Protein backbone atom coordinates (compact mmCIF):
# COMPACT_ATOMS: atom_id res chain seq x y z
CA MET A 1 18.82 -38.72 -0.82
CA ILE A 2 17.68 -36.20 -3.45
CA PRO A 3 18.04 -32.62 -2.14
CA ASN A 4 14.99 -31.14 -3.85
CA THR A 5 12.70 -33.67 -2.16
CA ILE A 6 13.65 -32.47 1.34
CA LYS A 7 10.84 -30.49 2.94
CA LYS A 8 12.26 -27.20 4.20
CA GLN A 9 10.57 -25.37 7.05
CA ILE A 10 9.81 -21.65 6.68
CA CYS A 11 9.96 -19.22 3.76
CA ALA A 12 9.18 -15.66 4.85
CA VAL A 13 7.71 -13.23 2.31
CA ILE A 14 7.76 -9.50 3.01
CA VAL A 15 5.46 -7.38 0.86
CA SER A 16 6.97 -3.93 0.46
CA TYR A 17 5.82 -0.62 -0.98
CA GLU A 18 7.93 2.50 -0.47
CA PRO A 19 9.60 0.94 2.60
CA ASP A 20 11.56 2.95 5.14
CA GLU A 21 14.25 1.70 7.54
CA SER A 22 11.69 -0.28 9.54
CA ILE A 23 11.96 -3.03 6.90
CA ILE A 24 15.63 -3.46 7.85
CA LYS A 25 14.59 -3.88 11.50
CA LEU A 26 12.06 -6.48 10.40
CA TYR A 27 14.64 -8.37 8.37
CA LYS A 28 17.13 -8.43 11.22
CA SER A 29 14.45 -9.68 13.62
CA ILE A 30 13.34 -12.53 11.35
CA LYS A 31 16.36 -13.68 9.31
CA GLU A 32 17.64 -16.18 11.92
CA GLN A 33 14.16 -17.60 12.49
CA VAL A 34 13.44 -18.79 8.94
CA ASP A 35 15.19 -20.70 6.16
CA GLU A 36 14.81 -17.93 3.58
CA VAL A 37 13.48 -14.40 3.29
CA LEU A 38 11.88 -13.17 0.06
CA ILE A 39 10.82 -9.57 -0.55
CA VAL A 40 8.15 -8.80 -3.13
CA ASP A 41 8.25 -5.09 -3.89
CA ASN A 42 5.25 -3.41 -5.50
CA ALA A 43 7.08 -0.89 -7.68
CA SER A 44 8.56 1.38 -5.01
CA SER A 45 9.75 4.57 -6.71
CA CYS A 46 11.19 6.95 -4.12
CA LYS A 47 15.00 7.08 -3.86
CA GLU A 48 15.13 6.28 -0.13
CA SER A 49 13.10 3.10 -0.61
CA LYS A 50 15.13 2.01 -3.61
CA ASP A 51 18.36 2.54 -1.66
CA ILE A 52 17.04 0.47 1.26
CA LEU A 53 16.00 -2.36 -1.07
CA GLU A 54 19.42 -2.22 -2.73
CA ILE A 55 21.08 -2.71 0.66
CA LEU A 56 18.81 -5.67 1.45
CA SER A 57 19.30 -7.23 -1.99
CA LYS A 58 22.84 -8.22 -0.97
CA ASP A 59 21.35 -10.78 1.43
CA VAL A 60 17.77 -11.28 0.27
CA LYS A 61 16.09 -12.37 -2.94
CA ILE A 62 13.82 -9.56 -4.16
CA ILE A 63 11.08 -9.76 -6.77
CA TYR A 64 10.63 -6.30 -8.27
CA ASN A 65 7.14 -5.84 -9.68
CA ASP A 66 6.77 -3.31 -12.48
CA ASN A 67 3.54 -1.99 -10.99
CA ASN A 68 1.74 -1.82 -7.66
CA TYR A 69 -0.35 -4.97 -8.00
CA GLY A 70 -1.57 -4.92 -4.40
CA ILE A 71 -0.85 -7.08 -1.40
CA ALA A 72 -2.80 -10.15 -2.55
CA LYS A 73 -0.85 -10.69 -5.77
CA ALA A 74 2.46 -10.07 -3.98
CA LEU A 75 1.52 -12.64 -1.33
CA ASN A 76 0.63 -15.11 -4.06
CA GLN A 77 4.02 -14.58 -5.66
CA GLY A 78 5.57 -15.43 -2.31
CA ALA A 79 3.32 -18.45 -1.81
CA LYS A 80 4.14 -19.86 -5.24
CA TYR A 81 7.85 -19.35 -4.61
CA ALA A 82 7.57 -21.22 -1.30
CA ILE A 83 5.66 -24.09 -2.94
CA ASP A 84 8.08 -24.31 -5.88
CA ASN A 85 11.00 -24.44 -3.43
CA ASN A 86 9.41 -27.14 -1.28
CA TYR A 87 8.78 -25.17 1.92
CA LYS A 88 6.37 -26.50 4.53
CA TRP A 89 5.36 -23.09 5.88
CA LEU A 90 4.90 -19.59 4.44
CA LEU A 91 5.40 -16.69 6.84
CA THR A 92 3.60 -13.56 5.58
CA LEU A 93 4.94 -10.20 6.73
CA ASP A 94 4.21 -6.49 6.45
CA GLN A 95 7.23 -4.25 6.07
CA ASP A 96 6.87 -2.59 9.49
CA SER A 97 6.57 -5.56 11.88
CA GLU A 98 9.22 -6.63 14.40
CA PHE A 99 9.72 -9.97 16.18
CA ILE A 100 11.47 -11.38 19.24
CA GLN A 101 14.24 -13.86 18.45
CA GLY A 102 12.96 -17.41 18.93
CA THR A 103 9.31 -16.57 18.23
CA TYR A 104 8.81 -19.04 15.40
CA SER A 105 10.75 -21.99 16.78
CA LEU A 106 8.61 -21.64 19.91
CA LEU A 107 5.42 -21.28 17.87
CA LEU A 108 6.16 -24.38 15.77
CA ASN A 109 7.09 -26.46 18.83
CA ALA A 110 3.85 -25.39 20.48
CA TYR A 111 1.92 -26.23 17.30
CA GLU A 112 3.23 -29.81 17.45
CA LEU A 113 1.49 -30.20 20.82
CA LEU A 114 -1.93 -29.20 19.47
CA PRO A 115 -4.50 -32.03 19.52
CA ASP A 116 -6.11 -30.65 16.34
CA LYS A 117 -2.92 -29.70 14.51
CA ASN A 118 -3.94 -31.56 11.32
CA LYS A 119 -6.95 -29.24 10.94
CA THR A 120 -4.93 -26.15 11.85
CA MET A 121 -3.58 -24.47 8.72
CA LEU A 122 -2.63 -21.03 10.05
CA ILE A 123 -0.94 -20.10 13.33
CA ALA A 124 0.26 -16.73 14.51
CA PRO A 125 1.50 -14.74 17.48
CA GLN A 126 -0.60 -11.89 18.81
CA TYR A 127 0.30 -8.35 17.77
CA LYS A 128 0.86 -5.34 19.97
CA GLU A 129 0.70 -1.96 18.29
CA LYS A 130 3.94 -0.01 18.09
CA ILE A 131 2.08 3.09 19.15
CA ASN A 132 1.68 1.50 22.61
CA ILE A 133 5.04 -0.32 22.97
CA LYS A 134 8.10 1.46 21.63
CA THR A 135 10.62 -1.39 21.66
CA ILE A 136 10.62 -5.13 21.16
CA ASN A 137 12.86 -5.40 24.24
CA ASN A 138 9.77 -4.76 26.38
CA ILE A 139 8.30 -8.12 25.29
CA SER A 140 9.42 -11.59 26.33
CA LEU A 141 8.51 -15.11 25.26
CA PRO A 142 6.59 -17.48 27.58
CA ASP A 143 7.53 -21.01 28.53
CA ILE A 144 6.10 -23.49 26.02
CA LYS A 145 3.99 -25.13 28.74
CA LYS A 146 2.25 -21.81 29.39
CA ILE A 147 1.30 -21.03 25.79
CA THR A 148 -2.43 -20.63 25.29
CA TRP A 149 -4.30 -20.70 21.97
CA LYS A 150 -7.51 -19.24 20.64
CA ASN A 151 -9.36 -20.14 17.44
CA LYS A 152 -9.95 -17.00 15.38
CA SER A 153 -12.21 -16.23 12.44
CA PHE A 154 -9.48 -14.10 10.93
CA ILE A 155 -5.91 -13.09 11.70
CA ILE A 156 -3.92 -10.22 10.20
CA THR A 157 -1.46 -10.96 7.41
CA SER A 158 1.74 -9.99 9.18
CA GLY A 159 3.12 -12.71 11.40
CA SER A 160 0.86 -15.46 10.02
CA LEU A 161 2.45 -18.85 9.46
CA ILE A 162 0.52 -20.76 6.79
CA LYS A 163 0.96 -24.39 5.73
CA THR A 164 1.86 -24.29 2.04
CA GLU A 165 -0.21 -27.43 1.40
CA VAL A 166 -3.36 -25.45 2.06
CA PHE A 167 -3.04 -23.41 -1.14
CA ASN A 168 -3.80 -26.56 -3.12
CA LEU A 169 -6.84 -27.17 -0.92
CA ILE A 170 -8.53 -23.75 -0.85
CA GLY A 171 -6.73 -21.62 -3.44
CA PHE A 172 -4.59 -18.51 -3.10
CA PHE A 173 -5.16 -14.96 -1.85
CA GLU A 174 -7.94 -13.12 -3.68
CA GLU A 175 -6.17 -10.68 -6.00
CA LYS A 176 -9.21 -8.60 -6.95
CA LEU A 177 -9.39 -7.33 -3.34
CA PHE A 178 -6.03 -5.61 -3.97
CA ILE A 179 -5.20 -4.43 -0.44
CA ASP A 180 -7.95 -4.41 2.18
CA LYS A 181 -9.45 -7.52 3.87
CA VAL A 182 -7.19 -9.87 1.90
CA ASP A 183 -6.30 -11.61 5.18
CA VAL A 184 -9.95 -11.79 6.24
CA ASP A 185 -10.94 -13.39 2.95
CA PHE A 186 -8.21 -16.03 3.23
CA CYS A 187 -9.18 -16.95 6.80
CA PHE A 188 -12.86 -17.13 5.88
CA LYS A 189 -11.98 -19.50 3.03
CA LEU A 190 -10.18 -21.71 5.54
CA LYS A 191 -13.16 -21.63 7.90
CA ARG A 192 -15.59 -22.49 5.11
CA LYS A 193 -13.55 -25.61 4.31
CA GLY A 194 -13.45 -26.67 7.94
CA TYR A 195 -9.86 -25.64 8.72
CA LEU A 196 -8.70 -23.71 11.75
CA CYS A 197 -6.76 -20.48 12.32
CA LYS A 198 -5.17 -20.20 15.74
CA ILE A 199 -3.50 -17.32 17.51
CA SER A 200 -1.25 -17.64 20.53
CA LYS A 201 -2.64 -15.38 23.21
CA ASN A 202 0.72 -14.91 24.96
CA ILE A 203 3.33 -14.82 22.18
CA PHE A 204 3.59 -11.26 20.90
CA PHE A 205 5.19 -9.16 18.17
CA LEU A 206 5.14 -5.47 17.28
CA GLN A 207 3.05 -4.19 14.40
CA GLN A 208 2.22 -0.73 13.07
CA LEU A 209 -1.41 -0.71 11.94
CA GLY A 210 -1.71 2.43 9.84
CA ASN A 211 -1.36 5.74 11.65
CA PRO A 212 -4.01 5.51 14.40
CA LYS A 213 -4.84 8.22 16.92
CA TYR A 214 -7.05 8.14 19.99
CA LYS A 215 -9.72 10.76 20.65
CA PHE A 216 -12.24 10.54 23.49
CA LEU A 217 -11.54 6.81 23.93
CA PHE A 218 -12.16 6.20 20.19
CA LYS A 219 -9.45 4.68 18.03
CA ILE A 220 -9.24 6.73 14.83
CA ALA A 221 -7.71 4.74 11.98
CA ASN A 222 -6.71 7.71 9.76
CA LEU A 223 -6.85 5.61 6.60
CA SER A 224 -6.16 7.30 3.28
CA PRO A 225 -9.06 8.04 0.89
CA GLU A 226 -7.85 5.21 -1.38
CA ARG A 227 -7.79 2.77 1.51
CA ARG A 228 -11.29 3.87 2.52
CA TYR A 229 -12.49 2.98 -0.98
CA TYR A 230 -11.08 -0.55 -0.84
CA SER A 231 -12.18 -1.10 2.76
CA SER A 232 -15.77 -0.26 1.86
CA LYS A 233 -15.84 -2.12 -1.46
CA ASN A 234 -14.26 -5.24 -0.02
CA ALA A 235 -16.59 -5.25 2.99
CA VAL A 236 -19.43 -5.70 0.49
CA TYR A 237 -17.53 -8.59 -1.09
CA MET A 238 -17.10 -10.23 2.32
CA PHE A 239 -20.79 -9.87 3.07
CA LYS A 240 -21.90 -11.26 -0.30
CA THR A 241 -19.38 -14.12 -0.31
CA TYR A 242 -19.31 -15.28 3.30
CA PHE A 243 -22.63 -14.26 4.88
CA PHE A 244 -23.83 -17.85 5.28
CA CYS A 245 -20.45 -18.88 6.72
CA CYS A 246 -19.90 -15.90 9.04
CA PRO A 247 -23.17 -13.89 9.16
CA PHE A 248 -22.51 -11.80 12.26
CA LYS A 249 -18.92 -10.90 11.43
CA THR A 250 -19.63 -9.96 7.81
CA LEU A 251 -22.58 -7.80 8.83
CA ILE A 252 -20.52 -5.98 11.47
CA MET A 253 -17.74 -5.52 8.93
CA LEU A 254 -20.16 -3.96 6.46
CA PHE A 255 -21.51 -1.53 9.06
CA ARG A 256 -18.04 -0.61 10.28
CA SER A 257 -16.46 -0.05 6.87
CA SER A 258 -19.33 1.22 4.73
CA LEU A 259 -22.68 1.96 6.28
CA LEU A 260 -22.28 3.76 9.57
CA PHE A 261 -19.23 3.68 11.84
CA ALA A 262 -16.46 4.71 9.41
CA PRO A 263 -18.34 7.71 7.90
CA LEU A 264 -19.38 8.87 11.37
CA LYS A 265 -15.84 8.70 12.79
CA ILE A 266 -14.45 10.53 9.75
CA LEU A 267 -17.09 13.22 10.07
CA LEU A 268 -16.34 13.74 13.76
CA PHE A 269 -12.59 13.27 14.02
CA GLU A 270 -10.63 13.10 10.75
CA LYS A 271 -9.32 15.49 8.12
CA ASN A 272 -10.08 15.31 4.39
CA LYS A 273 -13.63 14.34 5.36
CA ILE A 274 -15.41 14.86 2.04
CA LYS A 275 -12.99 12.85 -0.09
CA LYS A 276 -12.86 9.97 2.39
CA ILE A 277 -16.65 9.74 2.77
CA LYS A 278 -17.13 10.00 -1.01
CA ASN A 279 -14.71 7.11 -1.46
CA ILE A 280 -16.54 5.01 1.11
CA TYR A 281 -19.82 5.33 -0.77
CA LYS A 282 -18.11 4.93 -4.13
CA GLY A 283 -16.66 1.65 -2.85
CA LEU A 284 -20.04 0.61 -1.45
CA ILE A 285 -21.79 1.15 -4.78
CA GLU A 286 -19.08 -0.57 -6.81
CA GLY A 287 -19.06 -3.48 -4.36
CA ILE A 288 -22.81 -3.94 -4.75
CA PHE A 289 -22.80 -3.87 -8.54
CA ASN A 290 -19.38 -5.22 -9.51
CA TYR A 291 -18.75 -8.04 -7.01
């Protein structure tokens, strides 16, 4: 038996940028569930973040990028590491997620029972926002016989378990998108090739999605001006690239991020209105002419 021919199970990659102590919580919640944890850090510079990464480096392999290359390139670094080290699955993680112990053994056992598992290339638990549930102890895992699945057009990056073989079939994460809609693009590529993404409707984890607030029943994302730029620009890319594959979803995405909903919500509810709206239309124009 030759050791490097053995197919290992899960390599987890955490993409970090100026992480706080929540990344330590994430590591503790996931380390016993996977074979290896890799952190790819996009040039964090503040002392607190560097100190936290130094603590984690005693137990975790860390790739320190010399610049902030965005989430897509960092994910690709993790994917290539997993492939080179003969892992079957890549678990992609944001730095502020948190998981129940046993989540991924349960998820993989449930995956084996799927009738269409050979077409299923991405599986994931469902997220609950930390703003609504303060502790992971308030969530429990279901019995495997009660797990239900739903096919999804796209699933967020954090918590997604991806078969490493699929990167040879459809390619890697799209690096020119930098940060926003990288996960959407990857799932749409899977869909276009006839593969499936599935989410378990009753296995949950905690995730912080930005810094949302609620006003008059509206969820206000409070994205930064830079994030607004990429969200708008990349919505144009999604529309131009995947319209014939996912016409309704790409059109809705364009209206939400660029044409109507985002500017209106910012105008009504958010601060720094002028800069954010300018960045939305800057992204829209650049998306039209440069993608």
